[in-house]
Structures are given as structure tokens and as C-alpha cells.
């Protein structure tokens, strides 16, 4: 089970339930807002119940930088 917050420190909500696909080890979350800090955590569920939460992973959503000049070759040698 994968949970994330809303990017402003609010409640966690379930965004992926992997119980029907136990071999999946990655998940792509779309629709994040640039400039926000999202927190994610996972937990397992089996016949004994729910596990403790994982450590929290933090992701900052941002825009690809732009406006930089193209790099230029300053020096070149051949061997």
C-alpha cells in the first residue's frame, strides 16, 4: 500500500493498492503541483493485519530549468 500527503503537510491518502499485483515494485504518480513537497510512505497487509509504516520519502516537484545558454567548447584535444 502506498500513501502520500497533499503536498502541504495534510493527511495521507492511499494512492496505490498493490494487493492484487504483488510483483509491482514501482508506481508513477502524475498530476503533482510544481513547488510542493510531497511525502510518501508504504505499508504491507497480510493475514496478520497491517504493518508499521515505512520511513517517509520526500519528493519535491519542480520544473525543468530553462533559460540557460548552450554550453560551448573551450578547449579540445585529440588523441
N, C-alpha and C. Protein backbone atom coordinates (compact mmCIF):
# COMPACT_ATOMS: atom_id res chain seq x y z
N UNK A 1 0.84 -1.16 0.00
CA UNK A 1 0.00 0.00 0.00
C UNK A 1 0.90 1.24 0.00
N UNK A 2 0.58 2.19 -0.85
CA UNK A 2 1.35 3.41 -0.96
C UNK A 2 0.45 4.59 -0.65
N UNK A 3 0.91 5.44 0.25
CA UNK A 3 0.17 6.64 0.63
C UNK A 3 1.02 7.87 0.39
N UNK A 4 0.35 8.99 0.12
CA UNK A 4 1.06 10.27 0.01
C UNK A 4 0.21 11.37 0.65
N UNK A 5 0.90 12.44 1.03
CA UNK A 5 0.16 13.58 1.55
C UNK A 5 -0.22 14.50 0.39
N UNK A 6 -0.82 15.63 0.70
CA UNK A 6 -1.32 16.53 -0.34
C UNK A 6 -0.30 17.57 -0.81
N UNK A 7 0.92 17.50 -0.31
CA UNK A 7 1.96 18.44 -0.70
C UNK A 7 2.05 19.66 0.19
N UNK A 8 1.11 19.80 1.12
CA UNK A 8 1.16 20.95 2.05
C UNK A 8 1.06 20.46 3.50
N UNK A 9 1.47 19.21 3.72
CA UNK A 9 1.51 18.68 5.07
C UNK A 9 0.20 18.15 5.61
N UNK A 10 -0.75 17.90 4.73
CA UNK A 10 -2.06 17.41 5.16
C UNK A 10 -2.07 15.91 5.40
N UNK A 11 -3.25 15.37 5.49
CA UNK A 11 -3.45 13.95 5.74
C UNK A 11 -2.89 13.09 4.61
N UNK A 12 -2.45 11.89 4.96
CA UNK A 12 -2.04 10.92 3.95
C UNK A 12 -3.28 10.24 3.39
N UNK A 13 -3.21 9.88 2.11
CA UNK A 13 -4.29 9.12 1.49
C UNK A 13 -3.68 8.02 0.62
N UNK A 14 -4.41 6.94 0.48
CA UNK A 14 -3.96 5.80 -0.30
C UNK A 14 -3.98 6.15 -1.78
N UNK A 15 -2.83 5.99 -2.47
CA UNK A 15 -2.78 6.27 -3.90
C UNK A 15 -2.52 5.01 -4.72
N UNK A 16 -2.09 3.92 -4.07
CA UNK A 16 -1.87 2.67 -4.80
C UNK A 16 -2.08 1.50 -3.86
N UNK A 17 -2.96 0.59 -4.27
CA UNK A 17 -3.21 -0.64 -3.53
C UNK A 17 -2.64 -1.78 -4.36
N UNK A 18 -1.50 -2.30 -3.97
CA UNK A 18 -0.84 -3.34 -4.74
C UNK A 18 -1.22 -4.75 -4.33
N UNK A 19 -2.28 -4.91 -3.58
CA UNK A 19 -2.63 -6.24 -3.07
C UNK A 19 -2.98 -7.22 -4.19
N UNK A 20 -3.45 -6.73 -5.33
CA UNK A 20 -3.79 -7.63 -6.42
C UNK A 20 -2.63 -7.84 -7.39
N UNK A 21 -1.54 -7.08 -7.21
CA UNK A 21 -0.36 -7.20 -8.06
C UNK A 21 0.90 -7.15 -7.21
N UNK A 22 1.20 -8.21 -6.47
CA UNK A 22 2.32 -8.16 -5.52
C UNK A 22 3.70 -8.02 -6.16
N UNK A 23 3.85 -8.26 -7.46
CA UNK A 23 5.15 -8.13 -8.11
C UNK A 23 5.50 -6.72 -8.54
N UNK A 24 4.58 -5.79 -8.44
CA UNK A 24 4.83 -4.40 -8.85
C UNK A 24 5.72 -3.73 -7.81
N UNK A 25 6.84 -3.15 -8.27
CA UNK A 25 7.77 -2.51 -7.34
C UNK A 25 7.96 -1.03 -7.61
N UNK A 26 7.18 -0.47 -8.53
CA UNK A 26 7.28 0.96 -8.79
C UNK A 26 5.92 1.52 -9.16
N UNK A 27 5.77 2.82 -8.99
CA UNK A 27 4.49 3.48 -9.26
C UNK A 27 4.79 4.91 -9.70
N UNK A 28 4.15 5.36 -10.75
CA UNK A 28 4.32 6.72 -11.25
C UNK A 28 3.10 7.54 -10.85
N UNK A 29 3.32 8.59 -10.11
CA UNK A 29 2.24 9.48 -9.68
C UNK A 29 2.27 10.73 -10.54
N UNK A 30 1.21 10.95 -11.30
CA UNK A 30 1.11 12.13 -12.16
C UNK A 30 0.26 13.18 -11.47
N UNK A 31 0.27 14.39 -12.01
CA UNK A 31 -0.60 15.45 -11.52
C UNK A 31 -0.10 16.18 -10.29
N UNK A 32 1.21 16.11 -10.03
CA UNK A 32 1.75 16.83 -8.88
C UNK A 32 1.88 18.31 -9.23
N UNK A 33 1.79 19.16 -8.23
CA UNK A 33 1.89 20.60 -8.42
C UNK A 33 3.33 21.05 -8.19
N UNK A 34 3.88 21.79 -9.17
CA UNK A 34 5.25 22.28 -9.03
C UNK A 34 5.41 23.15 -7.79
N UNK A 35 6.54 22.98 -7.13
CA UNK A 35 6.86 23.79 -5.96
C UNK A 35 6.40 23.20 -4.64
N UNK A 36 5.69 22.08 -4.66
CA UNK A 36 5.23 21.49 -3.41
C UNK A 36 6.12 20.32 -2.99
N UNK A 37 6.16 20.07 -1.70
CA UNK A 37 6.94 18.97 -1.12
C UNK A 37 5.97 17.86 -0.75
N UNK A 38 6.06 16.74 -1.46
CA UNK A 38 5.18 15.60 -1.22
C UNK A 38 5.90 14.56 -0.37
N UNK A 39 5.16 13.95 0.54
CA UNK A 39 5.69 12.88 1.39
C UNK A 39 4.96 11.58 1.08
N UNK A 40 5.73 10.51 0.99
CA UNK A 40 5.20 9.19 0.67
C UNK A 40 5.58 8.19 1.76
N UNK A 41 4.75 7.19 1.96
CA UNK A 41 5.06 6.10 2.89
C UNK A 41 4.35 4.84 2.40
N UNK A 42 4.89 3.69 2.76
CA UNK A 42 4.29 2.42 2.37
C UNK A 42 4.06 1.56 3.60
N UNK A 43 3.17 0.59 3.44
CA UNK A 43 2.95 -0.42 4.46
C UNK A 43 2.46 -1.69 3.78
N UNK A 44 2.60 -2.79 4.47
CA UNK A 44 2.17 -4.08 3.95
C UNK A 44 0.92 -4.54 4.70
N UNK A 45 0.17 -5.39 4.04
CA UNK A 45 -1.01 -6.01 4.66
C UNK A 45 -0.97 -7.50 4.34
N UNK A 46 -1.17 -8.31 5.37
CA UNK A 46 -1.30 -9.75 5.16
C UNK A 46 -2.32 -10.29 6.15
N UNK A 47 -2.37 -11.61 6.33
CA UNK A 47 -3.39 -12.18 7.21
C UNK A 47 -3.23 -11.77 8.67
N UNK A 48 -2.06 -11.24 9.04
CA UNK A 48 -1.84 -10.75 10.40
C UNK A 48 -2.29 -9.30 10.58
N UNK A 49 -2.63 -8.66 9.48
CA UNK A 49 -3.06 -7.26 9.55
C UNK A 49 -2.10 -6.32 8.85
N UNK A 50 -2.12 -5.09 9.27
CA UNK A 50 -1.35 -4.01 8.66
C UNK A 50 0.00 -3.87 9.36
N UNK A 51 1.07 -3.67 8.59
CA UNK A 51 2.40 -3.46 9.17
C UNK A 51 2.54 -2.01 9.65
N UNK A 52 3.68 -1.73 10.25
CA UNK A 52 4.01 -0.34 10.58
C UNK A 52 4.35 0.39 9.29
N UNK A 53 4.27 1.70 9.30
CA UNK A 53 4.61 2.49 8.12
C UNK A 53 6.11 2.50 7.89
N UNK A 54 6.51 2.62 6.63
CA UNK A 54 7.92 2.77 6.29
C UNK A 54 8.40 4.15 6.74
N UNK A 55 9.70 4.38 6.61
CA UNK A 55 10.21 5.73 6.75
C UNK A 55 9.57 6.57 5.64
N UNK A 56 9.45 7.84 5.87
CA UNK A 56 8.83 8.74 4.89
C UNK A 56 9.86 9.13 3.84
N UNK A 57 9.44 9.06 2.58
CA UNK A 57 10.26 9.54 1.46
C UNK A 57 9.67 10.87 1.00
N UNK A 58 10.54 11.86 0.82
CA UNK A 58 10.08 13.20 0.43
C UNK A 58 10.49 13.46 -1.01
N UNK A 59 9.58 14.05 -1.78
CA UNK A 59 9.81 14.39 -3.18
C UNK A 59 9.38 15.82 -3.41
N UNK A 60 10.27 16.62 -3.99
CA UNK A 60 9.94 17.99 -4.34
C UNK A 60 9.61 18.03 -5.83
N UNK A 61 8.42 18.47 -6.16
CA UNK A 61 8.02 18.58 -7.56
C UNK A 61 8.50 19.93 -8.09
N UNK A 62 9.20 19.90 -9.23
CA UNK A 62 9.73 21.14 -9.77
C UNK A 62 9.74 21.11 -11.29
N UNK A 63 10.01 22.24 -11.88
CA UNK A 63 10.05 22.40 -13.33
C UNK A 63 11.49 22.23 -13.80
N UNK A 64 11.66 21.68 -15.00
CA UNK A 64 12.98 21.57 -15.60
C UNK A 64 13.52 22.98 -15.83
N UNK A 65 14.76 23.24 -15.41
CA UNK A 65 15.33 24.58 -15.60
C UNK A 65 15.37 24.98 -17.07
N UNK A 66 15.20 26.24 -17.34
CA UNK A 66 15.29 26.75 -18.71
C UNK A 66 15.98 28.11 -18.68
N UNK A 67 16.31 28.61 -19.85
CA UNK A 67 16.92 29.94 -19.94
C UNK A 67 18.43 29.94 -19.81
N UNK A 68 19.05 28.76 -19.75
CA UNK A 68 20.50 28.70 -19.67
C UNK A 68 21.07 28.71 -21.08
N UNK A 69 22.19 29.38 -21.25
CA UNK A 69 22.86 29.40 -22.55
C UNK A 69 23.41 28.01 -22.85
N UNK A 70 23.47 27.70 -24.14
CA UNK A 70 24.02 26.41 -24.54
C UNK A 70 25.50 26.37 -24.17
N UNK A 71 25.97 25.20 -23.77
CA UNK A 71 27.38 25.08 -23.42
C UNK A 71 28.24 25.20 -24.68
N UNK A 72 29.47 25.68 -24.51
CA UNK A 72 30.37 25.80 -25.66
C UNK A 72 31.71 25.18 -25.31
N UNK A 73 32.37 24.67 -26.33
CA UNK A 73 33.67 24.01 -26.15
C UNK A 73 34.72 25.10 -25.95
N UNK A 74 35.48 24.99 -24.86
CA UNK A 74 36.53 25.96 -24.56
C UNK A 74 37.88 25.46 -25.05
N UNK A 75 38.08 24.16 -24.93
CA UNK A 75 39.35 23.57 -25.33
C UNK A 75 39.09 22.15 -25.81
N UNK A 76 39.86 21.72 -26.79
CA UNK A 76 39.68 20.38 -27.31
C UNK A 76 41.02 19.80 -27.73
N UNK A 77 41.24 18.53 -27.42
CA UNK A 77 42.44 17.83 -27.86
C UNK A 77 42.02 16.53 -28.51
N UNK A 78 42.90 15.99 -29.33
CA UNK A 78 42.62 14.68 -29.92
C UNK A 78 43.77 13.75 -29.60
N UNK A 79 43.46 12.50 -29.44
CA UNK A 79 44.48 11.53 -29.09
C UNK A 79 44.59 10.48 -30.16
